[in-house]
PDB file of N, CA and C in Angstrom:
ATOM      1  N   MET A   1     153.179 104.061  94.536  1.00  0.00           N
ATOM      2  CA  MET A   1     152.386 102.831  94.411  1.00  0.00           C
ATOM      3  C   MET A   1     150.980 103.067  94.679  1.00  0.00           C
ATOM      4  N   SER A   2     150.839 104.233  95.368  1.00  0.00           N
ATOM      5  CA  SER A   2     149.242 104.558  95.814  1.00  0.00           C
ATOM      6  C   SER A   2     148.669 104.967  94.630  1.00  0.00           C
ATOM      7  N   TRP A   3     149.236 105.623  93.606  1.00  0.00           N
ATOM      8  CA  TRP A   3     148.538 105.949  92.517  1.00  0.00           C
ATOM      9  C   TRP A   3     148.153 104.767  91.581  1.00  0.00           C
ATOM     10  N   ILE A   4     149.084 103.722  91.611  1.00  0.00           N
ATOM     11  CA  ILE A   4     148.898 102.596  90.810  1.00  0.00           C
ATOM     12  C   ILE A   4     147.604 101.774  91.398  1.00  0.00           C
ATOM     13  N   TYR A   5     147.705 101.733  92.622  1.00  0.00           N
ATOM     14  CA  TYR A   5     146.532 101.191  93.321  1.00  0.00           C
ATOM     15  C   TYR A   5     145.208 102.028  92.946  1.00  0.00           C
ATOM     16  N   LEU A   6     145.286 103.300  92.708  1.00  0.00           N
ATOM     17  CA  LEU A   6     144.266 103.992  92.462  1.00  0.00           C
ATOM     18  C   LEU A   6     143.779 103.834  91.200  1.00  0.00           C
ATOM     19  N   ILE A   7     144.548 103.850  90.091  1.00  0.00           N
ATOM     20  CA  ILE A   7     144.237 103.633  88.831  1.00  0.00           C
ATOM     21  C   ILE A   7     143.741 102.340  88.633  1.00  0.00           C
ATOM     22  N   VAL A   8     144.215 101.265  89.093  1.00  0.00           N
ATOM     23  CA  VAL A   8     143.608  99.822  89.065  1.00  0.00           C
ATOM     24  C   VAL A   8     142.364  99.899  89.730  1.00  0.00           C
ATOM     25  N   ALA A   9     142.060 100.441  90.883  1.00  0.00           N
ATOM     26  CA  ALA A   9     140.607 100.601  91.546  1.00  0.00           C
ATOM     27  C   ALA A   9     139.756 101.293  90.590  1.00  0.00           C
ATOM     28  N   GLY A  10     140.141 102.186  89.988  1.00  0.00           N
ATOM     29  CA  GLY A  10     139.226 102.924  88.908  1.00  0.00           C
ATOM     30  C   GLY A  10     138.917 101.868  87.756  1.00  0.00           C
ATOM     31  N   LEU A  11     139.964 101.351  87.296  1.00  0.00           N
ATOM     32  CA  LEU A  11     139.915 100.243  86.087  1.00  0.00           C
ATOM     33  C   LEU A  11     138.828  99.097  86.671  1.00  0.00           C
ATOM     34  N   LEU A  12     139.037  98.623  87.747  1.00  0.00           N
ATOM     35  CA  LEU A  12     138.094  97.495  88.646  1.00  0.00           C
ATOM     36  C   LEU A  12     136.741  98.012  88.482  1.00  0.00           C
ATOM     37  N   GLU A  13     136.418  99.316  88.840  1.00  0.00           N
ATOM     38  CA  GLU A  13     135.141  99.956  89.027  1.00  0.00           C
ATOM     39  C   GLU A  13     134.131  99.804  87.785  1.00  0.00           C
ATOM     40  N   ILE A  14     134.893  99.928  86.657  1.00  0.00           N
ATOM     41  CA  ILE A  14     134.210  99.482  85.336  1.00  0.00           C
ATOM     42  C   ILE A  14     133.485  98.154  85.240  1.00  0.00           C
ATOM     43  N   GLY A  15     134.107  97.080  86.027  1.00  0.00           N
ATOM     44  CA  GLY A  15     133.509  95.911  85.989  1.00  0.00           C
ATOM     45  C   GLY A  15     132.263  95.685  86.416  1.00  0.00           C
ATOM     46  N   TRP A  16     131.942  96.146  87.744  1.00  0.00           N
ATOM     47  CA  TRP A  16     130.717  95.948  88.446  1.00  0.00           C
ATOM     48  C   TRP A  16     129.484  96.470  87.732  1.00  0.00           C
ATOM     49  N   PRO A  17     129.481  97.687  86.953  1.00  0.00           N
ATOM     50  CA  PRO A  17     128.314  97.992  86.041  1.00  0.00           C
ATOM     51  C   PRO A  17     128.237  96.802  84.651  1.00  0.00           C
ATOM     52  N   VAL A  18     129.225  96.514  84.365  1.00  0.00           N
ATOM     53  CA  VAL A  18     129.366  95.604  83.388  1.00  0.00           C
ATOM     54  C   VAL A  18     128.672  94.396  83.854  1.00  0.00           C
ATOM     55  N   GLY A  19     129.026  93.864  85.088  1.00  0.00           N
ATOM     56  CA  GLY A  19     128.582  92.711  85.636  1.00  0.00           C
ATOM     57  C   GLY A  19     126.978  92.799  85.785  1.00  0.00           C
ATOM     58  N   LEU A  20     126.495  93.915  86.327  1.00  0.00           N
ATOM     59  CA  LEU A  20     125.040  94.095  86.700  1.00  0.00           C
ATOM     60  C   LEU A  20     124.413  94.252  85.270  1.00  0.00           C
ATOM     61  N   LYS A  21     125.028  94.602  84.195  1.00  0.00           N
ATOM     62  CA  LYS A  21     124.197  94.719  82.968  1.00  0.00           C
ATOM     63  C   LYS A  21     124.016  93.103  82.369  1.00  0.00           C
ATOM     64  N   LEU A  22     125.221  92.267  82.559  1.00  0.00           N
ATOM     65  CA  LEU A  22     125.121  90.946  82.289  1.00  0.00           C
ATOM     66  C   LEU A  22     123.951  90.400  82.985  1.00  0.00           C
ATOM     67  N   ALA A  23     123.795  90.725  84.322  1.00  0.00           N
ATOM     68  CA  ALA A  23     122.668  90.051  85.350  1.00  0.00           C
ATOM     69  C   ALA A  23     121.491  90.353  84.699  1.00  0.00           C
ATOM     70  N   GLN A  24     121.153  91.087  83.860  1.00  0.00           N
ATOM     71  CA  GLN A  24     120.000  91.473  83.338  1.00  0.00           C
ATOM     72  C   GLN A  24     119.244  90.514  82.578  1.00  0.00           C
ATOM     73  N   GLU A  25     120.002  89.728  81.993  1.00  0.00           N
ATOM     74  CA  GLU A  25     119.701  88.311  81.150  1.00  0.00           C
ATOM     75  C   GLU A  25     119.423  87.215  82.264  1.00  0.00           C
ATOM     76  N   VAL A  26     118.590  86.331  81.982  1.00  0.00           N
ATOM     77  CA  VAL A  26     118.236  85.351  82.866  1.00  0.00           C
ATOM     78  C   VAL A  26     119.470  84.284  82.745  1.00  0.00           C
ATOM     79  N   GLU A  27     119.979  84.216  81.396  1.00  0.00           N
ATOM     80  CA  GLU A  27     121.062  83.203  81.363  1.00  0.00           C
ATOM     81  C   GLU A  27     122.266  83.317  81.940  1.00  0.00           C
ATOM     82  N   THR A  28     122.555  84.838  82.315  1.00  0.00           N
ATOM     83  CA  THR A  28     123.993  85.246  82.727  1.00  0.00           C
ATOM     84  C   THR A  28     123.675  85.841  84.101  1.00  0.00           C
ATOM     85  N   ARG A  29     122.578  85.633  84.649  1.00  0.00           N
ATOM     86  CA  ARG A  29     122.141  86.389  85.999  1.00  0.00           C
ATOM     87  C   ARG A  29     123.229  86.175  86.989  1.00  0.00           C
ATOM     88  N   VAL A  30     123.479  84.945  87.381  1.00  0.00           N
ATOM     89  CA  VAL A  30     124.152  84.262  88.320  1.00  0.00           C
ATOM     90  C   VAL A  30     125.695  84.782  88.142  1.00  0.00           C
ATOM     91  N   VAL A  31     126.154  84.633  86.972  1.00  0.00           N
ATOM     92  CA  VAL A  31     127.481  85.066  86.567  1.00  0.00           C
ATOM     93  C   VAL A  31     127.708  86.499  86.673  1.00  0.00           C
ATOM     94  N   GLY A  32     126.748  87.358  86.178  1.00  0.00           N
ATOM     95  CA  GLY A  32     126.677  88.849  86.147  1.00  0.00           C
ATOM     96  C   GLY A  32     126.821  89.349  87.563  1.00  0.00           C
ATOM     97  N   ILE A  33     125.989  88.816  88.588  1.00  0.00           N
ATOM     98  CA  ILE A  33     125.856  89.444  89.924  1.00  0.00           C
ATOM     99  C   ILE A  33     127.290  88.998  90.644  1.00  0.00           C
ATOM    100  N   GLY A  34     127.720  87.763  90.355  1.00  0.00           N
ATOM    101  CA  GLY A  34     129.198  87.277  90.864  1.00  0.00           C
ATOM    102  C   GLY A  34     130.198  88.227  90.465  1.00  0.00           C
ATOM    103  N   LEU A  35     130.104  88.599  89.107  1.00  0.00           N
ATOM    104  CA  LEU A  35     131.277  89.505  88.519  1.00  0.00           C
ATOM    105  C   LEU A  35     131.168  90.900  89.204  1.00  0.00           C
ATOM    106  N   ALA A  36     130.078  91.351  89.374  1.00  0.00           N
ATOM    107  CA  ALA A  36     129.903  92.779  89.957  1.00  0.00           C
ATOM    108  C   ALA A  36     130.298  92.659  91.416  1.00  0.00           C
ATOM    109  N   VAL A  37     130.027  91.575  92.225  1.00  0.00           N
ATOM    110  CA  VAL A  37     130.272  91.532  93.501  1.00  0.00           C
ATOM    111  C   VAL A  37     131.885  91.515  93.556  1.00  0.00           C
ATOM    112  N   GLY A  38     132.410  90.550  92.787  1.00  0.00           N
ATOM    113  CA  GLY A  38     133.753  90.443  92.664  1.00  0.00           C
ATOM    114  C   GLY A  38     134.532  91.792  92.368  1.00  0.00           C
ATOM    115  N   PHE A  39     134.190  92.443  91.349  1.00  0.00           N
ATOM    116  CA  PHE A  39     134.793  93.652  91.071  1.00  0.00           C
ATOM    117  C   PHE A  39     134.566  94.823  91.996  1.00  0.00           C
ATOM    118  N   MET A  40     133.602  94.880  92.658  1.00  0.00           N
ATOM    119  CA  MET A  40     133.155  95.955  93.712  1.00  0.00           C
ATOM    120  C   MET A  40     134.336  95.628  94.766  1.00  0.00           C
ATOM    121  N   ALA A  41     134.432  94.373  95.312  1.00  0.00           N
ATOM    122  CA  ALA A  41     135.378  94.056  96.256  1.00  0.00           C
ATOM    123  C   ALA A  41     136.664  94.526  95.977  1.00  0.00           C
ATOM    124  N   ALA A  42     137.001  93.873  94.787  1.00  0.00           N
ATOM    125  CA  ALA A  42     138.371  94.212  94.417  1.00  0.00           C
ATOM    126  C   ALA A  42     138.868  95.858  94.140  1.00  0.00           C
ATOM    127  N   SER A  43     137.830  96.440  93.625  1.00  0.00           N
ATOM    128  CA  SER A  43     137.873  97.962  93.479  1.00  0.00           C
ATOM    129  C   SER A  43     138.013  98.565  94.690  1.00  0.00           C
ATOM    130  N   GLY A  44     137.124  98.245  95.751  1.00  0.00           N
ATOM    131  CA  GLY A  44     137.172  98.824  97.136  1.00  0.00           C
ATOM    132  C   GLY A  44     138.443  98.544  97.792  1.00  0.00           C
ATOM    133  N   PHE A  45     138.945  97.336  97.689  1.00  0.00           N
ATOM    134  CA  PHE A  45     140.274  96.937  98.244  1.00  0.00           C
ATOM    135  C   PHE A  45     141.603  98.088  97.830  1.00  0.00           C
ATOM    136  N   CYS A  46     141.596  98.163  96.465  1.00  0.00           N
ATOM    137  CA  CYS A  46     142.634  98.940  96.010  1.00  0.00           C
ATOM    138  C   CYS A  46     142.318 100.434  96.262  1.00  0.00           C
ATOM    139  N   LEU A  47     141.191 100.704  96.225  1.00  0.00           N
ATOM    140  CA  LEU A  47     140.763 102.062  96.525  1.00  0.00           C
ATOM    141  C   LEU A  47     141.165 102.434  98.225  1.00  0.00           C
ATOM    142  N   TRP A  48     140.950 101.379  99.243  1.00  0.00           N
ATOM    143  CA  TRP A  48     141.294 101.520 100.298  1.00  0.00           C
ATOM    144  C   TRP A  48     143.041 101.690 100.544  1.00  0.00           C
ATOM    145  N   MET A  49     143.603 100.904  99.800  1.00  0.00           N
ATOM    146  CA  MET A  49     145.209 101.023  99.881  1.00  0.00           C
ATOM    147  C   MET A  49     145.581 102.250  99.289  1.00  0.00           C
ATOM    148  N   ALA A  50     144.942 102.519  98.171  1.00  0.00           N
ATOM    149  CA  ALA A  50     145.283 104.195  97.629  1.00  0.00           C
ATOM    150  C   ALA A  50     145.233 105.173  98.649  1.00  0.00           C
ATOM    151  N   GLN A  51     144.235 105.049  99.599  1.00  0.00           N
ATOM    152  CA  GLN A  51     143.841 106.258 100.483  1.00  0.00           C
ATOM    153  C   GLN A  51     144.852 106.259 101.499  1.00  0.00           C
ATOM    154  N   LYS A  52     145.775 105.432 101.713  1.00  0.00           N
ATOM    155  CA  LYS A  52     146.667 105.460 102.736  1.00  0.00           C
ATOM    156  C   LYS A  52     147.668 106.606 102.582  1.00  0.00           C
ATOM    157  N   HIS A  53     147.740 107.105 101.133  1.00  0.00           N
ATOM    158  CA  HIS A  53     148.731 108.183 100.913  1.00  0.00           C
ATOM    159  C   HIS A  53     148.029 109.342  99.807  1.00  0.00           C
ATOM    160  N   ILE A  54     146.962 108.997  99.479  1.00  0.00           N
ATOM    161  CA  ILE A  54     146.324 109.959  98.651  1.00  0.00           C
ATOM    162  C   ILE A  54     145.000 110.595  99.374  1.00  0.00           C
ATOM    163  N   PRO A  55     144.965 111.935  99.374  1.00  0.00           N
ATOM    164  CA  PRO A  55     143.749 112.552 100.225  1.00  0.00           C
ATOM    165  C   PRO A  55     142.357 111.904  99.688  1.00  0.00           C
ATOM    166  N   ILE A  56     141.400 111.594 100.595  1.00  0.00           N
ATOM    167  CA  ILE A  56     140.075 110.965 100.363  1.00  0.00           C
ATOM    168  C   ILE A  56     139.292 111.783  99.069  1.00  0.00           C
ATOM    169  N   GLY A  57     139.564 112.759  99.030  1.00  0.00           N
ATOM    170  CA  GLY A  57     138.706 113.677  98.173  1.00  0.00           C
ATOM    171  C   GLY A  57     139.238 113.405  96.878  1.00  0.00           C
ATOM    172  N   THR A  58     140.473 113.552  96.677  1.00  0.00           N
ATOM    173  CA  THR A  58     141.345 113.143  95.351  1.00  0.00           C
ATOM    174  C   THR A  58     140.950 111.851  94.944  1.00  0.00           C
ATOM    175  N   ALA A  59     141.088 110.768  95.954  1.00  0.00           N
ATOM    176  CA  ALA A  59     141.175 109.389  95.629  1.00  0.00           C
ATOM    177  C   ALA A  59     139.792 108.975  95.055  1.00  0.00           C
ATOM    178  N   TYR A  60     138.439 109.751  95.676  1.00  0.00           N
ATOM    179  CA  TYR A  60     137.423 109.322  95.318  1.00  0.00           C
ATOM    180  C   TYR A  60     136.985 109.716  93.931  1.00  0.00           C
ATOM    181  N   ALA A  61     137.134 111.119  93.916  1.00  0.00           N
ATOM    182  CA  ALA A  61     137.156 111.745  92.528  1.00  0.00           C
ATOM    183  C   ALA A  61     137.724 110.948  91.416  1.00  0.00           C
ATOM    184  N   VAL A  62     139.136 110.555  91.471  1.00  0.00           N
ATOM    185  CA  VAL A  62     139.781 109.839  90.500  1.00  0.00           C
ATOM    186  C   VAL A  62     139.128 108.544  90.367  1.00  0.00           C
ATOM    187  N   TRP A  63     138.842 107.944  91.345  1.00  0.00           N
ATOM    188  CA  TRP A  63     138.234 106.360  91.221  1.00  0.00           C
ATOM    189  C   TRP A  63     137.083 106.578  90.464  1.00  0.00           C
ATOM    190  N   THR A  64     136.198 107.533  90.887  1.00  0.00           N
ATOM    191  CA  THR A  64     134.790 107.471  90.242  1.00  0.00           C
ATOM    192  C   THR A  64     134.781 108.141  88.835  1.00  0.00           C
ATOM    193  N   GLY A  65     135.884 109.037  88.554  1.00  0.00           N
ATOM    194  CA  GLY A  65     136.242 109.622  87.129  1.00  0.00           C
ATOM    195  C   GLY A  65     136.561 108.427  86.102  1.00  0.00           C
ATOM    196  N   ILE A  66     137.293 107.544  86.656  1.00  0.00           N
ATOM    197  CA  ILE A  66     137.873 106.499  85.682  1.00  0.00           C
ATOM    198  C   ILE A  66     136.921 105.633  85.626  1.00  0.00           C
ATOM    199  N   GLY A  67     136.150 105.377  86.592  1.00  0.00           N
ATOM    200  CA  GLY A  67     135.023 104.270  86.627  1.00  0.00           C
ATOM    201  C   GLY A  67     133.860 104.840  85.520  1.00  0.00           C
ATOM    202  N   ALA A  68     133.528 106.086  85.770  1.00  0.00           N
ATOM    203  CA  ALA A  68     132.328 106.554  84.946  1.00  0.00           C
ATOM    204  C   ALA A  68     132.948 106.818  83.423  1.00  0.00           C
ATOM    205  N   ALA A  69     133.998 107.415  83.096  1.00  0.00           N
ATOM    206  CA  ALA A  69     134.613 107.393  81.851  1.00  0.00           C
ATOM    207  C   ALA A  69     134.580 105.983  81.135  1.00  0.00           C
ATOM    208  N   GLY A  70     135.227 105.216  81.905  1.00  0.00           N
ATOM    209  CA  GLY A  70     135.558 103.806  81.263  1.00  0.00           C
ATOM    210  C   GLY A  70     134.043 102.979  80.914  1.00  0.00           C
ATOM    211  N   THR A  71     133.134 103.180  81.874  1.00  0.00           N
ATOM    212  CA  THR A  71     131.871 102.534  81.811  1.00  0.00           C
ATOM    213  C   THR A  71     131.174 103.218  80.554  1.00  0.00           C
ATOM    214  N   PHE A  72     131.256 104.500  80.553  1.00  0.00           N
ATOM    215  CA  PHE A  72     130.639 104.932  79.309  1.00  0.00           C
ATOM    216  C   PHE A  72     131.316 104.394  78.149  1.00  0.00           C
ATOM    217  N   LEU A  73     132.580 104.615  77.944  1.00  0.00           N
ATOM    218  CA  LEU A  73     133.196 103.896  76.738  1.00  0.00           C
ATOM    219  C   LEU A  73     132.843 102.436  76.475  1.00  0.00           C
ATOM    220  N   VAL A  74     132.820 101.613  77.560  1.00  0.00           N
ATOM    221  CA  VAL A  74     132.486 100.177  77.596  1.00  0.00           C
ATOM    222  C   VAL A  74     130.929 100.101  76.854  1.00  0.00           C
ATOM    223  N   GLY A  75     130.049 101.139  77.407  1.00  0.00           N
ATOM    224  CA  GLY A  75     128.716 101.064  76.953  1.00  0.00           C
ATOM    225  C   GLY A  75     128.469 101.458  75.478  1.00  0.00           C
ATOM    226  N   VAL A  76     129.244 102.411  74.840  1.00  0.00           N
ATOM    227  CA  VAL A  76     129.288 102.623  73.528  1.00  0.00           C
ATOM    228  C   VAL A  76     129.847 101.713  72.796  1.00  0.00           C
ATOM    229  N   MET A  77     130.801 100.938  73.174  1.00  0.00           N
ATOM    230  CA  MET A  77     131.499 100.055  72.319  1.00  0.00           C
ATOM    231  C   MET A  77     130.845  98.761  72.332  1.00  0.00           C
ATOM    232  N   TYR A  78     130.167  98.197  73.344  1.00  0.00           N
ATOM    233  CA  TYR A  78     129.791  96.795  73.298  1.00  0.00           C
ATOM    234  C   TYR A  78     128.371  96.715  73.674  1.00  0.00           C
ATOM    235  N   TYR A  79     127.710  97.842  74.009  1.00  0.00           N
ATOM    236  CA  TYR A  79     126.227  97.837  74.401  1.00  0.00           C
ATOM    237  C   TYR A  79     125.317  98.637  73.623  1.00  0.00           C
ATOM    238  N   GLY A  80     125.789  99.449  72.598  1.00  0.00           N
ATOM    239  CA  GLY A  80     124.979 100.224  71.779  1.00  0.00           C
ATOM    240  C   GLY A  80     124.495 101.432  72.583  1.00  0.00           C
ATOM    241  N   ASP A  81     125.270 101.792  73.607  1.00  0.00           N
ATOM    242  CA  ASP A  81     124.735 102.894  74.370  1.00  0.00           C
ATOM    243  C   ASP A  81     124.860 104.334  73.290  1.00  0.00           C
ATOM    244  N   PRO A  82     124.100 105.197  73.516  1.00  0.00           N
ATOM    245  CA  PRO A  82     124.062 106.586  72.417  1.00  0.00           C
ATOM    246  C   PRO A  82     125.482 107.089  72.646  1.00  0.00           C
ATOM    247  N   SER A  83     125.810 107.738  71.656  1.00  0.00           N
ATOM    248  CA  SER A  83     127.113 108.311  71.418  1.00  0.00           C
ATOM    249  C   SER A  83     126.728 109.855  70.584  1.00  0.00           C
ATOM    250  N   SER A  84     127.504 110.914  71.085  1.00  0.00           N
ATOM    251  CA  SER A  84     127.438 112.052  70.630  1.00  0.00           C
ATOM    252  C   SER A  84     128.498 112.777  70.945  1.00  0.00           C
ATOM    253  N   ILE A  85     128.773 113.915  70.167  1.00  0.00           N
ATOM    254  CA  ILE A  85     129.809 115.041  70.578  1.00  0.00           C
ATOM    255  C   ILE A  85     129.798 115.472  71.825  1.00  0.00           C
ATOM    256  N   ALA A  86     128.447 115.875  72.249  1.00  0.00           N
ATOM    257  CA  ALA A  86     128.160 116.161  73.535  1.00  0.00           C
ATOM    258  C   ALA A  86     128.553 115.354  74.849  1.00  0.00           C
ATOM    259  N   ARG A  87     128.180 113.964  74.660  1.00  0.00           N
ATOM    260  CA  ARG A  87     128.543 112.836  75.498  1.00  0.00           C
ATOM    261  C   ARG A  87     129.953 112.872  75.601  1.00  0.00           C
ATOM    262  N   TYR A  88     130.945 112.883  74.422  1.00  0.00           N
ATOM    263  CA  TYR A  88     132.145 112.571  74.533  1.00  0.00           C
ATOM    264  C   TYR A  88     132.676 113.843  75.229  1.00  0.00           C
ATOM    265  N   CYS A  89     132.280 115.140  75.078  1.00  0.00           N
ATOM    266  CA  CYS A  89     132.690 116.113  75.629  1.00  0.00           C
ATOM    267  C   CYS A  89     132.477 116.215  77.123  1.00  0.00           C
ATOM    268  N   GLY A  90     131.506 115.524  77.584  1.00  0.00           N
ATOM    269  CA  GLY A  90     131.182 115.375  79.302  1.00  0.00           C
ATOM    270  C   GLY A  90     132.077 114.558  79.631  1.00  0.00           C
ATOM    271  N   VAL A  91     132.667 113.415  78.960  1.00  0.00           N
ATOM    272  CA  VAL A  91     133.664 112.479  79.425  1.00  0.00           C
ATOM    273  C   VAL A  91     134.861 113.165  79.406  1.00  0.00           C
ATOM    274  N   ALA A  92     135.294 114.106  78.573  1.00  0.00           N
ATOM    275  CA  ALA A  92     136.456 114.798  78.436  1.00  0.00           C
ATOM    276  C   ALA A  92     136.578 115.684  79.655  1.00  0.00           C
ATOM    277  N   LEU A  93     135.517 116.248  80.076  1.00  0.00           N
ATOM    278  CA  LEU A  93     135.513 117.381  81.141  1.00  0.00           C
ATOM    279  C   LEU A  93     135.637 116.242  82.441  1.00  0.00           C
ATOM    280  N   ILE A  94     135.245 115.093  82.515  1.00  0.00           N
ATOM    281  CA  ILE A  94     135.524 114.368  83.736  1.00  0.00           C
ATOM    282  C   ILE A  94     137.027 114.211  83.959  1.00  0.00           C
ATOM    283  N   VAL A  95     137.627 113.478  82.749  1.00  0.00           N
ATOM    284  CA  VAL A  95     138.895 113.285  82.512  1.00  0.00           C
ATOM    285  C   VAL A  95     139.895 114.563  82.889  1.00  0.00           C
ATOM    286  N   ALA A  96     139.460 115.788  82.440  1.00  0.00           N
ATOM    287  CA  ALA A  96     140.037 116.963  82.772  1.00  0.00           C
ATOM    288  C   ALA A  96     140.012 117.317  84.381  1.00  0.00           C
ATOM    289  N   GLY A  97     138.938 117.148  84.961  1.00  0.00           N
ATOM    290  CA  GLY A  97     138.774 117.141  86.182  1.00  0.00           C
ATOM    291  C   GLY A  97     139.770 116.282  87.048  1.00  0.00           C
ATOM    292  N   VAL A  98     139.830 115.121  86.568  1.00  0.00           N
ATOM    293  CA  VAL A  98     140.626 114.063  87.284  1.00  0.00           C
ATOM    294  C   VAL A  98     142.174 114.619  87.165  1.00  0.00           C
ATOM    295  N   ILE A  99     142.579 115.028  85.923  1.00  0.00           N
ATOM    296  CA  ILE A  99     143.988 115.311  85.680  1.00  0.00           C
ATOM    297  C   ILE A  99     144.451 116.577  86.579  1.00  0.00           C
ATOM    298  N   VAL A 100     143.190 117.749  86.625  1.00  0.00           N
ATOM    299  CA  VAL A 100     143.615 118.979  87.503  1.00  0.00           C
ATOM    300  C   VAL A 100     143.687 118.203  89.006  1.00  0.00           C
ATOM    301  N   LEU A 101     142.811 117.503  89.405  1.00  0.00           N
ATOM    302  CA  LEU A 101     143.092 117.003  90.843  1.00  0.00           C
ATOM    303  C   LEU A 101     144.547 116.450  91.005  1.00  0.00           C
ATOM    304  N   LYS A 102     144.957 115.742  90.122  1.00  0.00           N
ATOM    305  CA  LYS A 102     146.186 114.945  90.101  1.00  0.00           C
ATOM    306  C   LYS A 102     147.295 116.118  90.251  1.00  0.00           C
ATOM    307  N   LEU A 103     147.267 116.909  89.411  1.00  0.00           N
ATOM    308  CA  LEU A 103     148.361 117.978  89.227  1.00  0.00           C
ATOM    309  C   LEU A 103     148.174 118.897  90.609  1.00  0.00           C
ATOM    310  N   ALA A 104     146.920 119.162  91.171  1.00  0.00           N
ATOM    311  CA  ALA A 104     146.881 120.269  92.130  1.00  0.00           C
ATOM    312  C   ALA A 104     147.201 119.564  93.667  1.00  0.00           C
ATOM    313  N   GLN A 105     147.484 118.472  93.458  1.00  0.00           N
ATOM    314  CA  GLN A 105     147.999 117.636  94.763  1.00  0.00           C
ATOM    315  C   GLN A 105     149.157 118.154  95.452  1.00  0.00           C
TER     316      GLN A 105
END
């Protein structure tokens, strides 16, 4: 169950940068900040639950890895962030590192 909490925490971690991006526009500022705070709290709670049975270093690396890779993909797909083979390779290295941490536990 801890790994499910950790994966959910990582996916929720994607939400707060998106909320902060929405907060850049005056029309969506309050909603964006609210979303960011809500996603931060939910993600932190799930990370806290996951750390009951997963080592802190592994949990933190997986949490940030999912968040970083997911936020990169959201940025490319919805916000026109730059995309290149090198950037995708960087994200693949993050994912590979997360997988190694899981397998080495």
